[in-house]
Amino acid sequence: MNVIETKDVSYQYPDGTLALNKINFHAPEGEIIALLGPNGAGKSTLFLHFNGILKPSSGTVLLDGTPINYDKKGLLQLRQKVGLVFQNPDDQLFAPTVREDVAFGPLNIDLDPEEVQRRVSESLEKVGMAGYEDKPPHHLSGGQKKRVSIAGVLAMRPEIMVLDEPTSGLDPKGAFQIMKLLIELNREGMTIVIATHDVDIVPIYAHKVYAISKGKIIKKGSPKEIFEDVQTIRDANLRLPHIAHLFERLHKEEEISFGNSYPLTVNEAKNQIIDRIKKKKEL
C-alpha cells in the first residue's frame, strides 16, 4: 500500500515560477524512498506538500489512499502521521531547551504531562540524546541538532518520516550515525522518505529512487536502474557514486570489464573483483 502518493501535482510560486510539474510519486509502506536531485530541482517544495505546508496548484496529494483535507482538523491529523525534518535544524529548533523543543508537538495535541514526558524521554533515548534535556539547542553541534529535530518528530509518533537532506552539513561519521538511525526506525516499521543530492548514500539505504530535475520526475526505479542510466544522471547535474565512477574509468580508460553494470556499493565491487579473479584463474 502507498502511504504517500501524488497524482499530477504541480506547484507554481506567486512570482510565476513553476516549481513542480505534474509529479507522480509513490511511497510504499515500510520502505525507504529517496528523492534524488540537484539543488533547485524541487525536492524541498515537494516535501512541503507531504505534510500540508504547501497545497498543490493542481493535482492531488493522498495519504493512505485518501486526498489530504486542508482544513485545521485535517492538517492536524496529517501532521501526526507525517513528520517533516527540515534540512537546517535551526529552522526547526526554537525552544530554550532540548526538552521543551521535543515536548512542543505532544503538548499541542493536548496530551497529559506524564505522557508528554514519557515521549520526550523515549524519543531522546532513541536518537542518542538522553542527558541533553536541559541544554540549549543552539549550543549543540550540527549532528546533535539534527538528532534533536528527529526526536521532536518521533515524539509525535508518526507513521512516516520525511527528511530534507538528512546528511547535509554533517561530517562522515555524523552522516553515518543519522542514516543508521533511519535504518533502525525503518526496521521498526516506519516509512522513510529522504530528499538528497548525495548519490553515494542512495544505493546503500534506499529501496526505491525517484530522480527529479527542474521540477519533473525524470526517472524512477531501484538504485541499480537509476544509476545504470548514466546519461540521464549526468543530464540532471548529478554523478555516479564514487565506486561506480571508478569502475567506469577502469572500463573506459584501461579497458577492464567487470560485468554488465558498474557496482554501486563496496560489497558489489568486492564480488565483481572476486568473480573476475576466479575467471582469470580458470583460463
C-alpha atoms as a PDB file:
ATOM      1  CA  MET A   1       0.000   0.000   0.000  1.00  0.00           C
ATOM      2  CA  ASN A   2       1.214   3.531  -0.791  1.00  0.00           C
ATOM      3  CA  VAL A   3       1.187   5.636   2.364  1.00  0.00           C
ATOM      4  CA  ILE A   4       2.014   8.824   0.446  1.00  0.00           C
ATOM      5  CA  GLU A   5       1.076   9.390  -3.157  1.00  0.00           C
ATOM      6  CA  THR A   6       0.919  12.350  -5.506  1.00  0.00           C
ATOM      7  CA  LYS A   7      -1.090  12.453  -8.713  1.00  0.00           C
ATOM      8  CA  ASP A   8      -0.038  15.028 -11.321  1.00  0.00           C
ATOM      9  CA  VAL A   9       0.977  17.517  -8.631  1.00  0.00           C
ATOM     10  CA  SER A  10       2.091  20.898  -9.934  1.00  0.00           C
ATOM     11  CA  TYR A  11       3.016  23.939  -7.874  1.00  0.00           C
ATOM     12  CA  GLN A  12       3.553  27.488  -9.042  1.00  0.00           C
ATOM     13  CA  TYR A  13       5.053  30.132  -6.771  1.00  0.00           C
ATOM     14  CA  PRO A  14       3.385  33.567  -6.586  1.00  0.00           C
ATOM     15  CA  ASP A  15       6.080  35.018  -8.862  1.00  0.00           C
ATOM     16  CA  GLY A  16       5.031  32.582 -11.593  1.00  0.00           C
ATOM     17  CA  THR A  17       7.879  30.084 -11.181  1.00  0.00           C
ATOM     18  CA  LEU A  18       6.712  26.529 -11.903  1.00  0.00           C
ATOM     19  CA  ALA A  19       8.492  24.585  -9.155  1.00  0.00           C
ATOM     20  CA  LEU A  20       6.755  21.237  -9.703  1.00  0.00           C
ATOM     21  CA  ASN A  21       5.369  19.943 -12.983  1.00  0.00           C
ATOM     22  CA  LYS A  22       2.899  17.017 -12.838  1.00  0.00           C
ATOM     23  CA  ILE A  23       4.721  14.992 -10.199  1.00  0.00           C
ATOM     24  CA  ASN A  24       3.637  11.381  -9.695  1.00  0.00           C
ATOM     25  CA  PHE A  25       5.269   9.894  -6.613  1.00  0.00           C
ATOM     26  CA  HIS A  26       4.509   6.808  -4.512  1.00  0.00           C
ATOM     27  CA  ALA A  27       5.947   5.824  -1.127  1.00  0.00           C
ATOM     28  CA  PRO A  28       5.030   2.214  -0.255  1.00  0.00           C
ATOM     29  CA  GLU A  29       4.527   1.387   3.392  1.00  0.00           C
ATOM     30  CA  GLY A  30       7.653   0.283   5.245  1.00  0.00           C
ATOM     31  CA  GLU A  31      10.197   1.295   2.603  1.00  0.00           C
ATOM     32  CA  ILE A  32      12.965   3.882   2.360  1.00  0.00           C
ATOM     33  CA  ILE A  33      12.358   6.081  -0.666  1.00  0.00           C
ATOM     34  CA  ALA A  34      14.947   8.565  -1.951  1.00  0.00           C
ATOM     35  CA  LEU A  35      14.083  11.667  -3.940  1.00  0.00           C
ATOM     36  CA  LEU A  36      17.374  12.338  -5.725  1.00  0.00           C
ATOM     37  CA  GLY A  37      18.161  15.605  -7.425  1.00  0.00           C
ATOM     38  CA  PRO A  38      20.479  18.626  -7.510  1.00  0.00           C
ATOM     39  CA  ASN A  39      19.862  21.834  -5.592  1.00  0.00           C
ATOM     40  CA  GLY A  40      16.878  23.698  -7.012  1.00  0.00           C
ATOM     41  CA  ALA A  41      15.296  20.598  -8.542  1.00  0.00           C
ATOM     42  CA  GLY A  42      12.086  20.887  -6.490  1.00  0.00           C
ATOM     43  CA  LYS A  43      12.800  18.343  -3.731  1.00  0.00           C
ATOM     44  CA  SER A  44      12.038  20.640  -0.792  1.00  0.00           C
ATOM     45  CA  THR A  45       8.942  22.058  -2.478  1.00  0.00           C
ATOM     46  CA  LEU A  46       7.546  18.564  -2.993  1.00  0.00           C
ATOM     47  CA  PHE A  47       8.262  17.604   0.616  1.00  0.00           C
ATOM     48  CA  LEU A  48       6.340  20.622   1.912  1.00  0.00           C
ATOM     49  CA  HIS A  49       3.292  19.160   0.151  1.00  0.00           C
ATOM     50  CA  PHE A  50       3.611  15.876   2.051  1.00  0.00           C
ATOM     51  CA  ASN A  51       2.702  17.478   5.328  1.00  0.00           C
ATOM     52  CA  GLY A  52       0.341  20.137   4.066  1.00  0.00           C
ATOM     53  CA  ILE A  53       2.572  23.198   4.421  1.00  0.00           C
ATOM     54  CA  LEU A  54       2.045  23.790   0.705  1.00  0.00           C
ATOM     55  CA  LYS A  55      -1.077  22.989  -1.292  1.00  0.00           C
ATOM     56  CA  PRO A  56      -0.769  21.977  -4.961  1.00  0.00           C
ATOM     57  CA  SER A  57      -1.672  24.467  -7.657  1.00  0.00           C
ATOM     58  CA  SER A  58      -3.117  21.421  -9.393  1.00  0.00           C
ATOM     59  CA  GLY A  59      -3.148  17.675  -8.788  1.00  0.00           C
ATOM     60  CA  THR A  60      -3.707  15.677  -5.621  1.00  0.00           C
ATOM     61  CA  VAL A  61      -1.694  14.532  -2.608  1.00  0.00           C
ATOM     62  CA  LEU A  62      -3.026  11.376  -0.943  1.00  0.00           C
ATOM     63  CA  LEU A  63      -2.313   9.875   2.460  1.00  0.00           C
ATOM     64  CA  ASP A  64      -3.220   6.191   2.804  1.00  0.00           C
ATOM     65  CA  GLY A  65      -5.161   6.489  -0.445  1.00  0.00           C
ATOM     66  CA  THR A  66      -7.284   9.467   0.702  1.00  0.00           C
ATOM     67  CA  PRO A  67      -6.818  13.039  -0.582  1.00  0.00           C
ATOM     68  CA  ILE A  68      -5.442  15.410   2.051  1.00  0.00           C
ATOM     69  CA  ASN A  69      -8.022  17.554   3.817  1.00  0.00           C
ATOM     70  CA  TYR A  70      -6.566  21.053   4.219  1.00  0.00           C
ATOM     71  CA  ASP A  71      -8.879  22.288   6.966  1.00  0.00           C
ATOM     72  CA  LYS A  72      -7.490  22.694  10.506  1.00  0.00           C
ATOM     73  CA  LYS A  73      -8.607  19.264  11.706  1.00  0.00           C
ATOM     74  CA  GLY A  74      -7.338  17.522   8.566  1.00  0.00           C
ATOM     75  CA  LEU A  75      -3.922  19.152   8.769  1.00  0.00           C
ATOM     76  CA  LEU A  76      -3.604  18.258  12.457  1.00  0.00           C
ATOM     77  CA  GLN A  77      -4.300  14.604  11.667  1.00  0.00           C
ATOM     78  CA  LEU A  78      -1.906  14.707   8.710  1.00  0.00           C
ATOM     79  CA  ARG A  79       0.959  16.127  10.778  1.00  0.00           C
ATOM     80  CA  GLN A  80       0.544  13.476  13.422  1.00  0.00           C
ATOM     81  CA  LYS A  81       1.042  10.817  10.728  1.00  0.00           C
ATOM     82  CA  VAL A  82       3.699  12.539   8.613  1.00  0.00           C
ATOM     83  CA  GLY A  83       6.699  14.058  10.399  1.00  0.00           C
ATOM     84  CA  LEU A  84       8.886  16.508   8.494  1.00  0.00           C
ATOM     85  CA  VAL A  85      12.548  17.127   9.365  1.00  0.00           C
ATOM     86  CA  PHE A  86      13.955  20.261   7.721  1.00  0.00           C
ATOM     87  CA  GLN A  87      17.370  20.431   6.089  1.00  0.00           C
ATOM     88  CA  ASN A  88      18.603  23.080   8.518  1.00  0.00           C
ATOM     89  CA  PRO A  89      17.859  22.159  12.165  1.00  0.00           C
ATOM     90  CA  ASP A  90      17.956  25.852  13.090  1.00  0.00           C
ATOM     91  CA  ASP A  91      14.730  26.238  11.078  1.00  0.00           C
ATOM     92  CA  GLN A  92      13.093  23.663  13.335  1.00  0.00           C
ATOM     93  CA  LEU A  93      14.575  24.182  16.815  1.00  0.00           C
ATOM     94  CA  PHE A  94      13.361  27.252  18.647  1.00  0.00           C
ATOM     95  CA  ALA A  95      12.712  26.467  22.342  1.00  0.00           C
ATOM     96  CA  PRO A  96      15.119  27.442  25.174  1.00  0.00           C
ATOM     97  CA  THR A  97      15.950  23.803  25.977  1.00  0.00           C
ATOM     98  CA  VAL A  98      16.043  20.448  24.209  1.00  0.00           C
ATOM     99  CA  ARG A  99      13.290  19.134  26.499  1.00  0.00           C
ATOM    100  CA  GLU A 100      10.922  21.982  25.641  1.00  0.00           C
ATOM    101  CA  ASP A 101      11.627  21.649  21.953  1.00  0.00           C
ATOM    102  CA  VAL A 102      10.860  17.918  21.811  1.00  0.00           C
ATOM    103  CA  ALA A 103       7.792  18.416  24.019  1.00  0.00           C
ATOM    104  CA  PHE A 104       6.281  21.139  21.829  1.00  0.00           C
ATOM    105  CA  GLY A 105       4.389  18.852  19.429  1.00  0.00           C
ATOM    106  CA  PRO A 106       2.892  16.492  22.032  1.00  0.00           C
ATOM    107  CA  LEU A 107       1.805  19.450  24.198  1.00  0.00           C
ATOM    108  CA  ASN A 108      -0.047  20.912  21.218  1.00  0.00           C
ATOM    109  CA  ILE A 109      -2.185  17.797  20.805  1.00  0.00           C
ATOM    110  CA  ASP A 110      -3.302  18.051  24.436  1.00  0.00           C
ATOM    111  CA  LEU A 111      -1.537  15.002  25.843  1.00  0.00           C
ATOM    112  CA  ASP A 112      -1.278  14.829  29.625  1.00  0.00           C
ATOM    113  CA  PRO A 113       2.063  15.924  31.137  1.00  0.00           C
ATOM    114  CA  GLU A 114       3.104  12.378  32.080  1.00  0.00           C
ATOM    115  CA  GLU A 115       2.602  11.126  28.521  1.00  0.00           C
ATOM    116  CA  VAL A 116       4.492  14.138  27.141  1.00  0.00           C
ATOM    117  CA  GLN A 117       7.424  13.459  29.452  1.00  0.00           C
ATOM    118  CA  ARG A 118       7.384   9.786  28.513  1.00  0.00           C
ATOM    119  CA  ARG A 119       7.503  10.634  24.825  1.00  0.00           C
ATOM    120  CA  VAL A 120      10.296  13.169  25.304  1.00  0.00           C
ATOM    121  CA  SER A 121      12.415  10.662  27.222  1.00  0.00           C
ATOM    122  CA  GLU A 122      11.788   7.824  24.768  1.00  0.00           C
ATOM    123  CA  SER A 123      12.479   9.984  21.717  1.00  0.00           C
ATOM    124  CA  LEU A 124      15.735  11.409  23.067  1.00  0.00           C
ATOM    125  CA  GLU A 125      16.845   7.932  24.093  1.00  0.00           C
ATOM    126  CA  LYS A 126      16.053   6.649  20.608  1.00  0.00           C
ATOM    127  CA  VAL A 127      18.247   9.269  18.906  1.00  0.00           C
ATOM    128  CA  GLY A 128      21.082   9.008  21.423  1.00  0.00           C
ATOM    129  CA  MET A 129      20.477  12.394  23.033  1.00  0.00           C
ATOM    130  CA  ALA A 130      19.356  11.342  26.527  1.00  0.00           C
ATOM    131  CA  GLY A 131      21.072  13.560  29.080  1.00  0.00           C
ATOM    132  CA  TYR A 132      20.839  16.672  26.917  1.00  0.00           C
ATOM    133  CA  GLU A 133      17.339  17.660  28.073  1.00  0.00           C
ATOM    134  CA  ASP A 134      18.397  20.954  29.703  1.00  0.00           C
ATOM    135  CA  LYS A 135      20.881  22.006  27.024  1.00  0.00           C
ATOM    136  CA  PRO A 136      20.011  24.992  24.822  1.00  0.00           C
ATOM    137  CA  PRO A 137      19.700  23.695  21.231  1.00  0.00           C
ATOM    138  CA  HIS A 138      21.955  26.451  19.893  1.00  0.00           C
ATOM    139  CA  HIS A 139      24.822  25.054  21.986  1.00  0.00           C
ATOM    140  CA  LEU A 140      24.700  21.688  20.204  1.00  0.00           C
ATOM    141  CA  SER A 141      26.742  20.503  17.232  1.00  0.00           C
ATOM    142  CA  GLY A 142      25.144  20.163  13.797  1.00  0.00           C
ATOM    143  CA  GLY A 143      24.721  16.416  14.176  1.00  0.00           C
ATOM    144  CA  GLN A 144      23.239  16.784  17.654  1.00  0.00           C
ATOM    145  CA  LYS A 145      20.781  19.407  16.409  1.00  0.00           C
ATOM    146  CA  LYS A 146      19.723  17.038  13.625  1.00  0.00           C
ATOM    147  CA  ARG A 147      19.114  14.294  16.191  1.00  0.00           C
ATOM    148  CA  VAL A 148      17.017  16.601  18.372  1.00  0.00           C
ATOM    149  CA  SER A 149      14.987  17.627  15.308  1.00  0.00           C
ATOM    150  CA  ILE A 150      14.301  13.949  14.617  1.00  0.00           C
ATOM    151  CA  ALA A 151      13.418  13.398  18.295  1.00  0.00           C
ATOM    152  CA  GLY A 152      10.840  16.188  18.093  1.00  0.00           C
ATOM    153  CA  VAL A 153       9.220  14.389  15.157  1.00  0.00           C
ATOM    154  CA  LEU A 154       9.414  10.974  16.866  1.00  0.00           C
ATOM    155  CA  ALA A 155       7.623  12.382  19.897  1.00  0.00           C
ATOM    156  CA  MET A 156       4.533  12.764  17.703  1.00  0.00           C
ATOM    157  CA  ARG A 157       4.672   9.007  16.931  1.00  0.00           C
ATOM    158  CA  PRO A 158       4.380   9.424  13.134  1.00  0.00           C
ATOM    159  CA  GLU A 159       3.962   6.559  10.686  1.00  0.00           C
ATOM    160  CA  ILE A 160       6.047   8.341   8.046  1.00  0.00           C
ATOM    161  CA  MET A 161       9.156  10.470   8.424  1.00  0.00           C
ATOM    162  CA  VAL A 162      10.134  12.850   5.647  1.00  0.00           C
ATOM    163  CA  LEU A 163      13.664  14.278   5.812  1.00  0.00           C
ATOM    164  CA  ASP A 164      15.106  17.018   3.633  1.00  0.00           C
ATOM    165  CA  GLU A 165      18.850  16.427   3.049  1.00  0.00           C
ATOM    166  CA  PRO A 166      19.356  14.471   6.315  1.00  0.00           C
ATOM    167  CA  THR A 167      23.169  14.316   5.935  1.00  0.00           C
ATOM    168  CA  SER A 168      23.675  17.918   4.818  1.00  0.00           C
ATOM    169  CA  GLY A 169      26.401  19.736   6.736  1.00  0.00           C
ATOM    170  CA  LEU A 170      27.497  16.654   8.670  1.00  0.00           C
ATOM    171  CA  ASP A 171      30.926  15.038   8.742  1.00  0.00           C
ATOM    172  CA  PRO A 172      31.154  11.412   7.508  1.00  0.00           C
ATOM    173  CA  LYS A 173      30.718   9.941  10.992  1.00  0.00           C
ATOM    174  CA  GLY A 174      27.719  12.161  11.751  1.00  0.00           C
ATOM    175  CA  ALA A 175      26.120  11.319   8.398  1.00  0.00           C
ATOM    176  CA  PHE A 176      26.600   7.600   9.038  1.00  0.00           C
ATOM    177  CA  GLN A 177      25.031   7.889  12.500  1.00  0.00           C
ATOM    178  CA  ILE A 178      21.968   9.673  11.131  1.00  0.00           C
ATOM    179  CA  MET A 179      21.490   7.123   8.345  1.00  0.00           C
ATOM    180  CA  LYS A 180      21.993   4.253  10.805  1.00  0.00           C
ATOM    181  CA  LEU A 181      19.240   5.752  12.960  1.00  0.00           C
ATOM    182  CA  LEU A 182      16.912   5.960   9.956  1.00  0.00           C
ATOM    183  CA  ILE A 183      17.617   2.317   9.085  1.00  0.00           C
ATOM    184  CA  GLU A 184      16.705   1.316  12.654  1.00  0.00           C
ATOM    185  CA  LEU A 185      13.452   3.290  12.502  1.00  0.00           C
ATOM    186  CA  ASN A 186      12.634   1.695   9.166  1.00  0.00           C
ATOM    187  CA  ARG A 187      13.251  -1.791  10.552  1.00  0.00           C
ATOM    188  CA  GLU A 188      10.751  -0.962  13.293  1.00  0.00           C
ATOM    189  CA  GLY A 189       8.151  -0.301  10.588  1.00  0.00           C
ATOM    190  CA  MET A 190       8.407   3.401   9.851  1.00  0.00           C
ATOM    191  CA  THR A 191       8.264   4.562   6.233  1.00  0.00           C
ATOM    192  CA  ILE A 192      11.190   6.892   5.487  1.00  0.00           C
ATOM    193  CA  VAL A 193      11.334   9.394   2.634  1.00  0.00           C
ATOM    194  CA  ILE A 194      14.549  11.368   2.123  1.00  0.00           C
ATOM    195  CA  ALA A 195      15.444  14.140  -0.282  1.00  0.00           C
ATOM    196  CA  THR A 196      19.118  14.181  -1.160  1.00  0.00           C
ATOM    197  CA  HIS A 197      21.725  15.056  -3.760  1.00  0.00           C
ATOM    198  CA  ASP A 198      24.221  12.685  -2.098  1.00  0.00           C
ATOM    199  CA  VAL A 199      24.467   9.940  -4.714  1.00  0.00           C
ATOM    200  CA  ASP A 200      26.759   7.838  -2.511  1.00  0.00           C
ATOM    201  CA  ILE A 201      24.191   7.158   0.233  1.00  0.00           C
ATOM    202  CA  VAL A 202      21.313   6.302  -2.107  1.00  0.00           C
ATOM    203  CA  PRO A 203      22.478   2.808  -3.231  1.00  0.00           C
ATOM    204  CA  ILE A 204      23.259   1.830   0.362  1.00  0.00           C
ATOM    205  CA  TYR A 205      19.999   2.854   2.021  1.00  0.00           C
ATOM    206  CA  ALA A 206      17.159   3.332  -0.479  1.00  0.00           C
ATOM    207  CA  HIS A 207      14.731   0.660  -1.690  1.00  0.00           C
ATOM    208  CA  LYS A 208      13.406   2.891  -4.472  1.00  0.00           C
ATOM    209  CA  VAL A 209      14.621   6.126  -6.049  1.00  0.00           C
ATOM    210  CA  TYR A 210      12.899   8.995  -7.828  1.00  0.00           C
ATOM    211  CA  ALA A 211      15.275  11.237  -9.794  1.00  0.00           C
ATOM    212  CA  ILE A 212      13.997  14.806 -10.094  1.00  0.00           C
ATOM    213  CA  SER A 213      15.289  17.665 -12.227  1.00  0.00           C
ATOM    214  CA  LYS A 214      13.772  21.094 -12.925  1.00  0.00           C
ATOM    215  CA  GLY A 215      10.537  20.171 -11.168  1.00  0.00           C
ATOM    216  CA  LYS A 216       9.957  16.924 -13.088  1.00  0.00           C
ATOM    217  CA  ILE A 217      10.447  13.274 -12.208  1.00  0.00           C
ATOM    218  CA  ILE A 218      12.867  12.121 -14.907  1.00  0.00           C
ATOM    219  CA  LYS A 219      13.321   8.508 -13.812  1.00  0.00           C
ATOM    220  CA  LYS A 220      12.193   6.102 -11.095  1.00  0.00           C
ATOM    221  CA  GLY A 221      13.246   2.621 -10.076  1.00  0.00           C
ATOM    222  CA  SER A 222      15.726   0.728  -7.939  1.00  0.00           C
ATOM    223  CA  PRO A 223      19.142   2.337  -7.294  1.00  0.00           C
ATOM    224  CA  LYS A 224      20.600  -0.049  -9.889  1.00  0.00           C
ATOM    225  CA  GLU A 225      18.036   1.010 -12.512  1.00  0.00           C
ATOM    226  CA  ILE A 226      18.638   4.687 -11.781  1.00  0.00           C
ATOM    227  CA  PHE A 227      22.440   4.624 -11.961  1.00  0.00           C
ATOM    228  CA  GLU A 228      22.575   2.330 -15.000  1.00  0.00           C
ATOM    229  CA  ASP A 229      21.148   5.286 -16.936  1.00  0.00           C
ATOM    230  CA  VAL A 230      24.384   7.258 -16.783  1.00  0.00           C
ATOM    231  CA  GLN A 231      23.380   9.880 -19.336  1.00  0.00           C
ATOM    232  CA  THR A 232      20.156  10.791 -17.510  1.00  0.00           C
ATOM    233  CA  ILE A 233      22.046  11.083 -14.220  1.00  0.00           C
ATOM    234  CA  ARG A 234      24.609  13.430 -15.743  1.00  0.00           C
ATOM    235  CA  ASP A 235      21.985  15.444 -17.625  1.00  0.00           C
ATOM    236  CA  ALA A 236      20.413  16.110 -14.209  1.00  0.00           C
ATOM    237  CA  ASN A 237      23.716  17.596 -12.929  1.00  0.00           C
ATOM    238  CA  LEU A 238      24.364  14.552 -10.773  1.00  0.00           C
ATOM    239  CA  ARG A 239      27.142  11.959 -10.935  1.00  0.00           C
ATOM    240  CA  LEU A 240      27.645   8.265 -10.431  1.00  0.00           C
ATOM    241  CA  PRO A 241      28.514   7.047  -6.922  1.00  0.00           C
ATOM    242  CA  HIS A 242      32.284   7.067  -6.363  1.00  0.00           C
ATOM    243  CA  ILE A 243      32.609   3.282  -6.661  1.00  0.00           C
ATOM    244  CA  ALA A 244      30.643   3.155  -9.911  1.00  0.00           C
ATOM    245  CA  HIS A 245      32.666   6.070 -11.295  1.00  0.00           C
ATOM    246  CA  LEU A 246      35.922   4.250 -10.510  1.00  0.00           C
ATOM    247  CA  PHE A 247      34.760   1.131 -12.360  1.00  0.00           C
ATOM    248  CA  GLU A 248      33.542   3.273 -15.260  1.00  0.00           C
ATOM    249  CA  ARG A 249      37.039   4.762 -15.595  1.00  0.00           C
ATOM    250  CA  LEU A 250      38.677   1.327 -15.379  1.00  0.00           C
ATOM    251  CA  HIS A 251      36.384   0.160 -18.159  1.00  0.00           C
ATOM    252  CA  LYS A 252      36.853   3.176 -20.450  1.00  0.00           C
ATOM    253  CA  GLU A 253      40.487   4.057 -19.813  1.00  0.00           C
ATOM    254  CA  GLU A 254      42.027   0.678 -19.027  1.00  0.00           C
ATOM    255  CA  GLU A 255      39.560  -1.492 -20.975  1.00  0.00           C
ATOM    256  CA  ILE A 256      38.946  -3.599 -17.882  1.00  0.00           C
ATOM    257  CA  SER A 257      35.437  -5.038 -17.782  1.00  0.00           C
ATOM    258  CA  PHE A 258      33.933  -6.414 -14.584  1.00  0.00           C
ATOM    259  CA  GLY A 259      30.449  -7.268 -15.796  1.00  0.00           C
ATOM    260  CA  ASN A 260      27.332  -5.832 -17.369  1.00  0.00           C
ATOM    261  CA  SER A 261      26.928  -2.939 -14.925  1.00  0.00           C
ATOM    262  CA  TYR A 262      29.039  -0.871 -12.567  1.00  0.00           C
ATOM    263  CA  PRO A 263      28.918  -1.767  -8.847  1.00  0.00           C
ATOM    264  CA  LEU A 264      27.294   0.784  -6.549  1.00  0.00           C
ATOM    265  CA  THR A 265      28.480  -0.423  -3.136  1.00  0.00           C
ATOM    266  CA  VAL A 266      31.658  -1.843  -1.610  1.00  0.00           C
ATOM    267  CA  ASN A 267      30.137  -5.336  -1.407  1.00  0.00           C
ATOM    268  CA  GLU A 268      29.106  -5.261  -5.066  1.00  0.00           C
ATOM    269  CA  ALA A 269      32.600  -4.111  -6.050  1.00  0.00           C
ATOM    270  CA  LYS A 270      34.224  -6.846  -3.979  1.00  0.00           C
ATOM    271  CA  ASN A 271      32.033  -9.514  -5.549  1.00  0.00           C
ATOM    272  CA  GLN A 272      32.769  -8.317  -9.098  1.00  0.00           C
ATOM    273  CA  ILE A 273      36.528  -8.282  -8.427  1.00  0.00           C
ATOM    274  CA  ILE A 274      36.408 -11.786  -6.898  1.00  0.00           C
ATOM    275  CA  ASP A 275      34.413 -13.076  -9.888  1.00  0.00           C
ATOM    276  CA  ARG A 276      36.972 -11.597 -12.280  1.00  0.00           C
ATOM    277  CA  ILE A 277      39.869 -13.173 -10.379  1.00  0.00           C
ATOM    278  CA  LYS A 278      38.155 -16.578 -10.411  1.00  0.00           C
ATOM    279  CA  LYS A 279      37.508 -16.368 -14.148  1.00  0.00           C
ATOM    280  CA  LYS A 280      41.155 -15.468 -14.846  1.00  0.00           C
ATOM    281  CA  LYS A 281      42.321 -18.470 -12.797  1.00  0.00           C
ATOM    282  CA  GLU A 282      40.053 -20.750 -14.814  1.00  0.00           C
ATOM    283  CA  LEU A 283      41.612 -19.643 -18.123  1.00  0.00           C
END
